[in-house]
C-alpha atoms as a PDB file:
ATOM      1  CA  MET A   1     -48.699  -3.008 -26.243  1.00  0.00           C
ATOM      2  CA  ILE A   2     -47.087  -0.202 -24.236  1.00  0.00           C
ATOM      3  CA  ARG A   3     -46.669  -2.500 -21.206  1.00  0.00           C
ATOM      4  CA  LYS A   4     -45.000  -5.096 -23.401  1.00  0.00           C
ATOM      5  CA  GLU A   5     -42.522  -2.523 -24.775  1.00  0.00           C
ATOM      6  CA  LEU A   6     -41.752  -1.300 -21.241  1.00  0.00           C
ATOM      7  CA  SER A   7     -41.180  -4.879 -20.117  1.00  0.00           C
ATOM      8  CA  ILE A   8     -38.760  -5.506 -23.006  1.00  0.00           C
ATOM      9  CA  SER A   9     -36.932  -2.273 -22.221  1.00  0.00           C
ATOM     10  CA  ALA A  10     -36.591  -3.249 -18.539  1.00  0.00           C
ATOM     11  CA  GLU A  11     -35.260  -6.679 -19.510  1.00  0.00           C
ATOM     12  CA  ARG A  12     -32.678  -5.103 -21.798  1.00  0.00           C
ATOM     13  CA  LYS A  13     -31.527  -2.789 -19.009  1.00  0.00           C
ATOM     14  CA  ARG A  14     -31.172  -5.719 -16.613  1.00  0.00           C
ATOM     15  CA  ALA A  15     -29.261  -7.687 -19.243  1.00  0.00           C
ATOM     16  CA  ALA A  16     -26.973  -4.703 -19.866  1.00  0.00           C
ATOM     17  CA  TRP A  17     -26.204  -4.354 -16.147  1.00  0.00           C
ATOM     18  CA  LEU A  18     -25.633  -8.094 -15.938  1.00  0.00           C
ATOM     19  CA  PHE A  19     -23.060  -7.983 -18.719  1.00  0.00           C
ATOM     20  CA  LEU A  20     -21.446  -4.868 -17.253  1.00  0.00           C
ATOM     21  CA  ALA A  21     -21.202  -6.305 -13.732  1.00  0.00           C
ATOM     22  CA  PRO A  22     -17.899  -8.236 -14.247  1.00  0.00           C
ATOM     23  CA  MET A  23     -16.216  -5.193 -15.801  1.00  0.00           C
ATOM     24  CA  LEU A  24     -17.479  -2.916 -13.017  1.00  0.00           C
ATOM     25  CA  ALA A  25     -16.190  -5.372 -10.411  1.00  0.00           C
ATOM     26  CA  VAL A  26     -12.756  -5.383 -12.034  1.00  0.00           C
ATOM     27  CA  LEU A  27     -12.738  -1.572 -12.155  1.00  0.00           C
ATOM     28  CA  VAL A  28     -13.574  -1.396  -8.458  1.00  0.00           C
ATOM     29  CA  VAL A  29     -10.675  -3.723  -7.636  1.00  0.00           C
ATOM     30  CA  VAL A  30      -8.004  -2.241  -9.920  1.00  0.00           C
ATOM     31  CA  ALA A  31      -9.062   1.438  -9.994  1.00  0.00           C
ATOM     32  CA  ALA A  32     -11.577   2.533  -7.366  1.00  0.00           C
ATOM     33  CA  TRP A  33      -9.984   0.790  -4.376  1.00  0.00           C
ATOM     34  CA  PRO A  34      -6.402   2.070  -5.017  1.00  0.00           C
ATOM     35  CA  LEU A  35      -7.810   5.559  -5.630  1.00  0.00           C
ATOM     36  CA  LEU A  36      -9.717   5.527  -2.347  1.00  0.00           C
ATOM     37  CA  ARG A  37      -6.619   4.251  -0.514  1.00  0.00           C
ATOM     38  CA  THR A  38      -4.546   7.041  -2.050  1.00  0.00           C
ATOM     39  CA  ILE A  39      -7.084   9.652  -0.987  1.00  0.00           C
ATOM     40  CA  TYR A  40      -7.138   8.153   2.509  1.00  0.00           C
ATOM     41  CA  PHE A  41      -3.343   8.206   2.871  1.00  0.00           C
ATOM     42  CA  SER A  42      -3.286  11.805   1.615  1.00  0.00           C
ATOM     43  CA  LEU A  43      -5.109  12.716   4.828  1.00  0.00           C
ATOM     44  CA  THR A  44      -2.421  11.136   7.020  1.00  0.00           C
ATOM     45  CA  ASN A  45       1.273  11.606   7.788  1.00  0.00           C
ATOM     46  CA  ALA A  46       2.185   8.044   6.757  1.00  0.00           C
ATOM     47  CA  THR A  47       5.730   7.295   5.569  1.00  0.00           C
ATOM     48  CA  LEU A  48       7.394   4.291   3.965  1.00  0.00           C
ATOM     49  CA  VAL A  49       9.699   3.996   6.965  1.00  0.00           C
ATOM     50  CA  ASP A  50       6.844   2.890   9.230  1.00  0.00           C
ATOM     51  CA  MET A  51       3.570   2.344   7.370  1.00  0.00           C
ATOM     52  CA  GLY A  52       1.971   0.821  10.462  1.00  0.00           C
ATOM     53  CA  ARG A  53       2.110   4.040  12.484  1.00  0.00           C
ATOM     54  CA  TYR A  54       0.579   7.252  11.219  1.00  0.00           C
ATOM     55  CA  ASP A  55      -1.847   9.930  12.345  1.00  0.00           C
ATOM     56  CA  PHE A  56      -4.799  11.589  10.669  1.00  0.00           C
ATOM     57  CA  VAL A  57      -3.792  15.146   9.690  1.00  0.00           C
ATOM     58  CA  GLY A  58      -6.775  16.201   7.595  1.00  0.00           C
ATOM     59  CA  LEU A  59      -6.047  18.534   4.678  1.00  0.00           C
ATOM     60  CA  SER A  60      -2.678  19.733   5.969  1.00  0.00           C
ATOM     61  CA  ASN A  61      -0.876  17.790   3.215  1.00  0.00           C
ATOM     62  CA  TYR A  62      -2.804  19.865   0.671  1.00  0.00           C
ATOM     63  CA  VAL A  63      -2.731  23.276   2.302  1.00  0.00           C
ATOM     64  CA  ALA A  64      -2.361  24.545   5.878  1.00  0.00           C
ATOM     65  CA  TYR A  65      -1.287  27.655   7.780  1.00  0.00           C
ATOM     66  CA  ASP A  66       0.931  27.514  10.813  1.00  0.00           C
ATOM     67  CA  ASN A  67       3.401  29.856  12.518  1.00  0.00           C
ATOM     68  CA  GLY A  68       2.838  32.628  10.007  1.00  0.00           C
ATOM     69  CA  ARG A  69       3.403  30.575   6.855  1.00  0.00           C
ATOM     70  CA  TRP A  70       1.496  28.423   4.409  1.00  0.00           C
ATOM     71  CA  TYR A  71       2.601  24.913   3.617  1.00  0.00           C
ATOM     72  CA  GLY A  72       1.281  21.861   1.784  1.00  0.00           C
ATOM     73  CA  VAL A  73       1.322  20.600  -1.799  1.00  0.00           C
ATOM     74  CA  LEU A  74      -0.786  23.453  -3.176  1.00  0.00           C
ATOM     75  CA  THR A  75       1.737  26.014  -1.905  1.00  0.00           C
ATOM     76  CA  ASP A  76       4.877  23.993  -2.671  1.00  0.00           C
ATOM     77  CA  PRO A  77       6.978  25.970  -5.210  1.00  0.00           C
ATOM     78  CA  GLN A  78       8.206  22.799  -6.897  1.00  0.00           C
ATOM     79  CA  TRP A  79       4.652  21.475  -7.242  1.00  0.00           C
ATOM     80  CA  LEU A  80       3.619  24.757  -8.861  1.00  0.00           C
ATOM     81  CA  ILE A  81       6.578  24.452 -11.231  1.00  0.00           C
ATOM     82  CA  SER A  82       5.564  20.876 -12.094  1.00  0.00           C
ATOM     83  CA  LEU A  83       1.981  22.050 -12.709  1.00  0.00           C
ATOM     84  CA  ARG A  84       3.230  24.720 -15.096  1.00  0.00           C
ATOM     85  CA  ASN A  85       5.493  22.223 -16.874  1.00  0.00           C
ATOM     86  CA  THR A  86       2.644  19.734 -17.204  1.00  0.00           C
ATOM     87  CA  LEU A  87       0.264  22.303 -18.677  1.00  0.00           C
ATOM     88  CA  VAL A  88       2.890  23.553 -21.134  1.00  0.00           C
ATOM     89  CA  PHE A  89       3.771  20.007 -22.128  1.00  0.00           C
ATOM     90  CA  ALA A  90       0.121  18.986 -22.571  1.00  0.00           C
ATOM     91  CA  ILE A  91      -1.027  22.070 -24.509  1.00  0.00           C
ATOM     92  CA  VAL A  92       1.941  22.275 -26.869  1.00  0.00           C
ATOM     93  CA  SER A  93       2.326  18.547 -27.540  1.00  0.00           C
ATOM     94  CA  VAL A  94      -1.379  17.849 -28.069  1.00  0.00           C
ATOM     95  CA  SER A  95      -1.750  20.886 -30.351  1.00  0.00           C
ATOM     96  CA  LEU A  96       1.192  19.803 -32.498  1.00  0.00           C
ATOM     97  CA  GLU A  97      -0.045  16.221 -32.607  1.00  0.00           C
ATOM     98  CA  ILE A  98      -3.508  17.264 -33.789  1.00  0.00           C
ATOM     99  CA  VAL A  99      -2.128  19.498 -36.560  1.00  0.00           C
ATOM    100  CA  LEU A 100       0.447  16.955 -37.731  1.00  0.00           C
ATOM    101  CA  GLY A 101      -1.904  13.997 -37.276  1.00  0.00           C
ATOM    102  CA  VAL A 102      -4.619  15.542 -39.454  1.00  0.00           C
ATOM    103  CA  SER A 103      -2.040  16.559 -42.073  1.00  0.00           C
ATOM    104  CA  ILE A 104      -0.620  13.038 -42.240  1.00  0.00           C
ATOM    105  CA  ALA A 105      -4.114  11.543 -42.349  1.00  0.00           C
ATOM    106  CA  MET A 106      -5.039  13.795 -45.281  1.00  0.00           C
ATOM    107  CA  LEU A 107      -1.902  12.646 -47.089  1.00  0.00           C
ATOM    108  CA  LEU A 108      -2.507   8.949 -46.420  1.00  0.00           C
ATOM    109  CA  ASN A 109      -6.146   9.267 -47.441  1.00  0.00           C
ATOM    110  CA  ALA A 110      -5.056  10.099 -50.991  1.00  0.00           C
ATOM    111  CA  LYS A 111      -4.379   7.330 -53.497  1.00  0.00           C
ATOM    112  CA  PHE A 112      -0.727   6.895 -54.487  1.00  0.00           C
ATOM    113  CA  PRO A 113       1.714   3.972 -54.932  1.00  0.00           C
ATOM    114  CA  GLY A 114       3.073   2.585 -51.675  1.00  0.00           C
ATOM    115  CA  ARG A 115       0.279   4.015 -49.550  1.00  0.00           C
ATOM    116  CA  GLY A 116      -0.204   0.764 -47.631  1.00  0.00           C
ATOM    117  CA  MET A 117       3.500   0.489 -46.817  1.00  0.00           C
ATOM    118  CA  LEU A 118       3.584   4.096 -45.621  1.00  0.00           C
ATOM    119  CA  ARG A 119       0.552   3.510 -43.394  1.00  0.00           C
ATOM    120  CA  ALA A 120       2.261   0.540 -41.774  1.00  0.00           C
ATOM    121  CA  ALA A 121       5.544   2.437 -41.309  1.00  0.00           C
ATOM    122  CA  MET A 122       3.676   5.337 -39.706  1.00  0.00           C
ATOM    123  CA  LEU A 123       2.660   3.137 -36.777  1.00  0.00           C
ATOM    124  CA  VAL A 124       6.232   2.166 -35.832  1.00  0.00           C
ATOM    125  CA  PRO A 125       6.888   5.110 -33.437  1.00  0.00           C
ATOM    126  CA  TRP A 126       3.565   4.530 -31.703  1.00  0.00           C
ATOM    127  CA  ALA A 127       4.235   0.793 -31.357  1.00  0.00           C
ATOM    128  CA  ILE A 128       7.595   1.284 -29.629  1.00  0.00           C
ATOM    129  CA  PRO A 129       7.245   1.226 -25.813  1.00  0.00           C
ATOM    130  CA  THR A 130       7.579   4.686 -24.276  1.00  0.00           C
ATOM    131  CA  VAL A 131      10.529   3.747 -22.065  1.00  0.00           C
ATOM    132  CA  VAL A 132      12.406   2.351 -25.071  1.00  0.00           C
ATOM    133  CA  SER A 133      11.661   5.512 -27.076  1.00  0.00           C
ATOM    134  CA  ALA A 134      12.818   7.706 -24.198  1.00  0.00           C
ATOM    135  CA  ARG A 135      16.078   5.805 -23.759  1.00  0.00           C
ATOM    136  CA  MET A 136      16.701   5.749 -27.524  1.00  0.00           C
ATOM    137  CA  TRP A 137      16.162   9.493 -27.899  1.00  0.00           C
ATOM    138  CA  GLY A 138      18.185  10.133 -24.740  1.00  0.00           C
ATOM    139  CA  TRP A 139      21.171   8.544 -26.430  1.00  0.00           C
ATOM    140  CA  MET A 140      20.516  10.292 -29.743  1.00  0.00           C
ATOM    141  CA  LEU A 141      20.308  13.709 -28.018  1.00  0.00           C
ATOM    142  CA  ASN A 142      23.383  13.167 -25.849  1.00  0.00           C
ATOM    143  CA  ASP A 143      25.693  16.190 -26.096  1.00  0.00           C
ATOM    144  CA  GLN A 144      28.869  14.086 -26.306  1.00  0.00           C
ATOM    145  CA  PHE A 145      28.118  11.128 -28.560  1.00  0.00           C
ATOM    146  CA  GLY A 146      24.547  11.768 -29.760  1.00  0.00           C
ATOM    147  CA  VAL A 147      23.790  11.270 -33.439  1.00  0.00           C
ATOM    148  CA  VAL A 148      21.588  14.400 -33.557  1.00  0.00           C
ATOM    149  CA  ASN A 149      24.472  16.738 -32.710  1.00  0.00           C
ATOM    150  CA  ASP A 150      26.748  14.873 -35.108  1.00  0.00           C
ATOM    151  CA  ALA A 151      24.271  15.211 -37.973  1.00  0.00           C
ATOM    152  CA  LEU A 152      23.622  18.905 -37.304  1.00  0.00           C
ATOM    153  CA  MET A 153      27.342  19.659 -37.128  1.00  0.00           C
ATOM    154  CA  ARG A 154      28.005  17.818 -40.398  1.00  0.00           C
ATOM    155  CA  LEU A 155      25.249  19.892 -42.032  1.00  0.00           C
ATOM    156  CA  GLY A 156      26.777  23.075 -40.629  1.00  0.00           C
ATOM    157  CA  LEU A 157      23.659  24.016 -38.669  1.00  0.00           C
ATOM    158  CA  ILE A 158      25.499  24.159 -35.334  1.00  0.00           C
ATOM    159  CA  ALA A 159      29.141  24.914 -34.554  1.00  0.00           C
ATOM    160  CA  GLU A 160      29.464  22.860 -31.370  1.00  0.00           C
ATOM    161  CA  PRO A 161      27.497  20.125 -29.559  1.00  0.00           C
ATOM    162  CA  VAL A 162      24.267  21.255 -27.906  1.00  0.00           C
ATOM    163  CA  ALA A 163      23.235  19.982 -24.470  1.00  0.00           C
ATOM    164  CA  TRP A 164      19.659  19.170 -25.482  1.00  0.00           C
ATOM    165  CA  LEU A 165      18.685  17.492 -22.204  1.00  0.00           C
ATOM    166  CA  ALA A 166      20.733  19.670 -19.841  1.00  0.00           C
ATOM    167  CA  ASP A 167      19.630  23.124 -20.948  1.00  0.00           C
ATOM    168  CA  PRO A 168      16.407  24.151 -19.081  1.00  0.00           C
ATOM    169  CA  THR A 169      14.702  25.477 -22.231  1.00  0.00           C
ATOM    170  CA  LEU A 170      15.937  22.891 -24.723  1.00  0.00           C
ATOM    171  CA  SER A 171      15.139  19.969 -22.414  1.00  0.00           C
ATOM    172  CA  MET A 172      11.421  20.787 -22.393  1.00  0.00           C
ATOM    173  CA  ILE A 173      11.425  21.335 -26.158  1.00  0.00           C
ATOM    174  CA  SER A 174      13.219  18.002 -26.646  1.00  0.00           C
ATOM    175  CA  VAL A 175      10.745  16.089 -24.478  1.00  0.00           C
ATOM    176  CA  ILE A 176       7.792  17.652 -26.304  1.00  0.00           C
ATOM    177  CA  LEU A 177       9.234  16.822 -29.733  1.00  0.00           C
ATOM    178  CA  VAL A 178       9.909  13.213 -28.742  1.00  0.00           C
ATOM    179  CA  ASP A 179       6.342  12.880 -27.462  1.00  0.00           C
ATOM    180  CA  VAL A 180       5.025  14.380 -30.705  1.00  0.00           C
ATOM    181  CA  TRP A 181       7.148  11.945 -32.724  1.00  0.00           C
ATOM    182  CA  LYS A 182       5.787   8.996 -30.776  1.00  0.00           C
ATOM    183  CA  THR A 183       2.076   9.801 -30.498  1.00  0.00           C
ATOM    184  CA  THR A 184       1.274  11.688 -33.716  1.00  0.00           C
ATOM    185  CA  PRO A 185       0.612   8.323 -35.476  1.00  0.00           C
ATOM    186  CA  PHE A 186      -2.180   7.633 -32.950  1.00  0.00           C
ATOM    187  CA  VAL A 187      -3.927  10.892 -33.853  1.00  0.00           C
ATOM    188  CA  ALA A 188      -3.293  10.292 -37.549  1.00  0.00           C
ATOM    189  CA  LEU A 189      -4.835   6.828 -37.300  1.00  0.00           C
ATOM    190  CA  LEU A 190      -8.043   8.153 -35.722  1.00  0.00           C
ATOM    191  CA  ALA A 191      -8.244  11.021 -38.205  1.00  0.00           C
ATOM    192  CA  LEU A 192      -7.646   8.644 -41.125  1.00  0.00           C
ATOM    193  CA  ALA A 193     -10.433   6.338 -39.927  1.00  0.00           C
ATOM    194  CA  ALA A 194     -12.779   9.342 -39.766  1.00  0.00           C
ATOM    195  CA  LEU A 195     -11.737  10.504 -43.236  1.00  0.00           C
ATOM    196  CA  GLN A 196     -12.523   7.056 -44.629  1.00  0.00           C
ATOM    197  CA  MET A 197     -16.122   7.504 -43.449  1.00  0.00           C
ATOM    198  CA  VAL A 198     -16.650  10.901 -45.101  1.00  0.00           C
ATOM    199  CA  PRO A 199     -18.981  10.500 -48.134  1.00  0.00           C
ATOM    200  CA  LYS A 200     -17.198  11.109 -51.427  1.00  0.00           C
ATOM    201  CA  ASP A 201     -20.311  12.816 -52.793  1.00  0.00           C
ATOM    202  CA  VAL A 202     -19.602  15.788 -50.528  1.00  0.00           C
ATOM    203  CA  TYR A 203     -16.282  16.459 -52.220  1.00  0.00           C
ATOM    204  CA  GLU A 204     -17.752  15.911 -55.673  1.00  0.00           C
ATOM    205  CA  ALA A 205     -20.438  18.497 -54.960  1.00  0.00           C
ATOM    206  CA  ALA A 206     -17.840  20.959 -53.649  1.00  0.00           C
ATOM    207  CA  ARG A 207     -15.681  20.418 -56.714  1.00  0.00           C
ATOM    208  CA  VAL A 208     -18.636  21.008 -59.061  1.00  0.00           C
ATOM    209  CA  ASP A 209     -19.524  24.207 -57.195  1.00  0.00           C
ATOM    210  CA  GLY A 210     -15.948  25.423 -57.569  1.00  0.00           C
ATOM    211  CA  ILE A 211     -15.256  25.765 -53.832  1.00  0.00           C
ATOM    212  CA  HIS A 212     -11.595  26.280 -52.955  1.00  0.00           C
ATOM    213  CA  PRO A 213      -9.939  23.188 -51.371  1.00  0.00           C
ATOM    214  CA  VAL A 214      -8.907  25.170 -48.279  1.00  0.00           C
ATOM    215  CA  LYS A 215     -12.501  26.247 -47.711  1.00  0.00           C
ATOM    216  CA  VAL A 216     -13.668  22.666 -48.272  1.00  0.00           C
ATOM    217  CA  PHE A 217     -11.262  21.460 -45.588  1.00  0.00           C
ATOM    218  CA  PHE A 218     -12.382  23.959 -42.942  1.00  0.00           C
ATOM    219  CA  GLN A 219     -16.092  23.946 -43.761  1.00  0.00           C
ATOM    220  CA  VAL A 220     -16.641  20.314 -44.766  1.00  0.00           C
ATOM    221  CA  THR A 221     -13.815  17.955 -43.807  1.00  0.00           C
ATOM    222  CA  LEU A 222     -12.959  19.359 -40.379  1.00  0.00           C
ATOM    223  CA  PRO A 223     -16.574  19.437 -39.078  1.00  0.00           C
ATOM    224  CA  LEU A 224     -17.194  15.882 -40.318  1.00  0.00           C
ATOM    225  CA  ILE A 225     -14.115  14.444 -38.617  1.00  0.00           C
ATOM    226  CA  GLY A 226     -14.638  16.640 -35.544  1.00  0.00           C
ATOM    227  CA  PRO A 227     -16.033  13.866 -33.302  1.00  0.00           C
ATOM    228  CA  ALA A 228     -13.015  11.644 -34.041  1.00  0.00           C
ATOM    229  CA  LEU A 229     -10.641  14.518 -33.313  1.00  0.00           C
ATOM    230  CA  ALA A 230     -12.493  15.175 -30.048  1.00  0.00           C
ATOM    231  CA  VAL A 231     -11.773  11.580 -29.017  1.00  0.00           C
ATOM    232  CA  ALA A 232      -8.133  11.966 -30.038  1.00  0.00           C
ATOM    233  CA  VAL A 233      -7.763  15.182 -28.051  1.00  0.00           C
ATOM    234  CA  ILE A 234      -9.302  13.774 -24.878  1.00  0.00           C
ATOM    235  CA  PHE A 235      -7.156  10.625 -25.000  1.00  0.00           C
ATOM    236  CA  ARG A 236      -3.981  12.565 -25.683  1.00  0.00           C
ATOM    237  CA  LEU A 237      -4.819  15.197 -23.083  1.00  0.00           C
ATOM    238  CA  LEU A 238      -5.274  12.499 -20.459  1.00  0.00           C
ATOM    239  CA  ASP A 239      -1.943  10.912 -21.381  1.00  0.00           C
ATOM    240  CA  ALA A 240      -0.107  14.241 -21.460  1.00  0.00           C
ATOM    241  CA  MET A 241      -1.447  15.434 -18.102  1.00  0.00           C
ATOM    242  CA  ARG A 242      -0.254  12.272 -16.377  1.00  0.00           C
ATOM    243  CA  MET A 243       2.988  11.961 -18.329  1.00  0.00           C
ATOM    244  CA  PHE A 244       5.692  10.215 -16.319  1.00  0.00           C
ATOM    245  CA  ASP A 245       7.831   7.622 -18.104  1.00  0.00           C
ATOM    246  CA  LEU A 246       9.051   9.735 -21.032  1.00  0.00           C
ATOM    247  CA  VAL A 247      10.032  12.685 -18.828  1.00  0.00           C
ATOM    248  CA  TYR A 248      11.513  10.584 -16.026  1.00  0.00           C
ATOM    249  CA  VAL A 249      13.698   8.454 -18.312  1.00  0.00           C
ATOM    250  CA  MET A 250      14.931  11.361 -20.449  1.00  0.00           C
ATOM    251  CA  THR A 251      15.513  14.103 -17.855  1.00  0.00           C
ATOM    252  CA  GLY A 252      14.920  12.611 -14.401  1.00  0.00           C
ATOM    253  CA  THR A 253      13.566  14.944 -11.719  1.00  0.00           C
ATOM    254  CA  THR A 254      14.964  18.265 -12.928  1.00  0.00           C
ATOM    255  CA  ASP A 255      12.793  21.322 -12.327  1.00  0.00           C
ATOM    256  CA  ALA A 256      12.864  22.260 -16.030  1.00  0.00           C
ATOM    257  CA  THR A 257      10.780  19.242 -17.071  1.00  0.00           C
ATOM    258  CA  MET A 258       9.323  17.836 -13.843  1.00  0.00           C
ATOM    259  CA  THR A 259       5.654  16.945 -14.343  1.00  0.00           C
ATOM    260  CA  LEU A 260       2.968  16.340 -11.733  1.00  0.00           C
ATOM    261  CA  SER A 261       3.447  12.570 -11.890  1.00  0.00           C
ATOM    262  CA  VAL A 262       7.231  12.858 -11.557  1.00  0.00           C
ATOM    263  CA  PHE A 263       6.768  15.138  -8.528  1.00  0.00           C
ATOM    264  CA  ALA A 264       4.359  12.663  -6.907  1.00  0.00           C
ATOM    265  CA  ARG A 265       6.750   9.772  -7.534  1.00  0.00           C
ATOM    266  CA  ARG A 266       9.657  11.701  -6.018  1.00  0.00           C
ATOM    267  CA  GLU A 267       7.706  12.425  -2.832  1.00  0.00           C
ATOM    268  CA  LEU A 268       6.463   8.831  -2.545  1.00  0.00           C
ATOM    269  CA  VAL A 269       9.652   6.930  -3.413  1.00  0.00           C
ATOM    270  CA  ASP A 270      12.661   9.213  -3.055  1.00  0.00           C
ATOM    271  CA  PHE A 271      11.458  11.088   0.037  1.00  0.00           C
ATOM    272  CA  GLN A 272       9.307   8.153   1.296  1.00  0.00           C
ATOM    273  CA  ASP A 273       6.554  10.557   2.347  1.00  0.00           C
ATOM    274  CA  VAL A 274       3.395   8.556   1.634  1.00  0.00           C
ATOM    275  CA  GLY A 275       1.000  11.201   2.939  1.00  0.00           C
ATOM    276  CA  TYR A 276       2.495  14.092   0.982  1.00  0.00           C
ATOM    277  CA  GLY A 277       3.024  11.981  -2.133  1.00  0.00           C
ATOM    278  CA  SER A 278      -0.529  10.643  -1.975  1.00  0.00           C
ATOM    279  CA  ALA A 279      -1.819  14.202  -1.772  1.00  0.00           C
ATOM    280  CA  ALA A 280       0.168  15.077  -4.899  1.00  0.00           C
ATOM    281  CA  SER A 281      -1.168  11.974  -6.678  1.00  0.00           C
ATOM    282  CA  THR A 282      -4.732  12.786  -5.657  1.00  0.00           C
ATOM    283  CA  LEU A 283      -4.379  16.291  -7.046  1.00  0.00           C
ATOM    284  CA  VAL A 284      -3.199  14.825 -10.362  1.00  0.00           C
ATOM    285  CA  PHE A 285      -6.367  12.730 -10.493  1.00  0.00           C
ATOM    286  CA  PHE A 286      -8.695  15.632  -9.692  1.00  0.00           C
ATOM    287  CA  ILE A 287      -6.990  18.012 -12.121  1.00  0.00           C
ATOM    288  CA  ILE A 288      -7.283  15.474 -14.942  1.00  0.00           C
ATOM    289  CA  ALA A 289     -10.913  14.713 -14.012  1.00  0.00           C
ATOM    290  CA  LEU A 290     -11.760  18.428 -14.004  1.00  0.00           C
ATOM    291  CA  LEU A 291     -10.115  19.112 -17.363  1.00  0.00           C
ATOM    292  CA  THR A 292     -11.792  16.053 -18.873  1.00  0.00           C
ATOM    293  CA  ALA A 293     -15.226  17.119 -17.608  1.00  0.00           C
ATOM    294  CA  LEU A 294     -14.777  20.661 -18.921  1.00  0.00           C
ATOM    295  CA  TYR A 295     -13.606  19.412 -22.320  1.00  0.00           C
ATOM    296  CA  VAL A 296     -16.474  16.919 -22.669  1.00  0.00           C
ATOM    297  CA  MET A 297     -18.995  19.627 -21.734  1.00  0.00           C
ATOM    298  CA  ALA A 298     -17.472  22.017 -24.282  1.00  0.00           C
ATOM    299  CA  VAL A 299     -17.583  19.365 -27.022  1.00  0.00           C
ATOM    300  CA  ARG A 300     -21.212  18.528 -26.252  1.00  0.00           C
ATOM    301  CA  LEU A 301     -22.230  22.177 -26.323  1.00  0.00           C
ATOM    302  CA  ASP A 302     -20.434  22.635 -29.653  1.00  0.00           C
ATOM    303  CA  LEU A 303     -22.063  19.561 -31.186  1.00  0.00           C
ATOM    304  CA  ASN A 304     -25.486  20.612 -29.949  1.00  0.00           C
ATOM    305  CA  GLY A 305     -24.956  24.054 -31.406  1.00  0.00           C
ATOM    306  CA  ARG A 306     -24.097  22.562 -34.782  1.00  0.00           C
ATOM    307  CA  ARG A 307     -27.139  20.303 -34.787  1.00  0.00           C
ATOM    308  CA  ARG A 308     -29.399  23.285 -34.448  1.00  0.00           C
END
């Protein structure tokens, strides 16, 4: 009997690998191979001017010491600025999206007239392509003819037009708010799906026991939808850490909003330095992989602690 069960289990594993084989092959072609090529070029001094001639330079594109000074991506002041901008963008935007997404999901989970229409309308910002959203908001935030300045001046909130995308501080705030506007519906959708799965008996029992709604939210609702929020956070964190299109379209390559991906693109395309740009791109990959691994480990430890 035991041998038969082991045989069935082995057959299922073989069948699973058989079904996964086409997907793994596609991943190798579209993901693994370009990644390996990028890592390889990061160890060379290749340029777009002459891709056929380059030398192996080891880790000097990352960090090196020569003639009394350090150089390489890891010591590049602009790369450090882009790293700071990326972390600020990711932490602030994802935090706001989680808070707003859960709040909207709680609202849409209640029964009221027009709930279905509101749910459909909520998805519109998320459905708009990022480049289109960036260009649209770029026009709306323009300091000369933007509708945002016009509306604020009519309401008496500002006395003169504000350069939202030119001011170093306001440009980062503007980019974050546009990202929050666009991607909060994604978080709200995941949170709403999780709320739909929460048993109603739990709330009935809490209501009978006279537990305050705020306490019910933090002690009942939030732990039950925690796994869905963990998925939302990891997806949004990945997107935020590699953010390129929204920032590049709205503010270009200014230091105030330059992210890691924008920096890598500038080195690869504008400066045509394939080796240096590949090193910057590789660092983006490893930073995201490290943060993802740490977050997944933290979530697993938290879930295991709760199960005990």
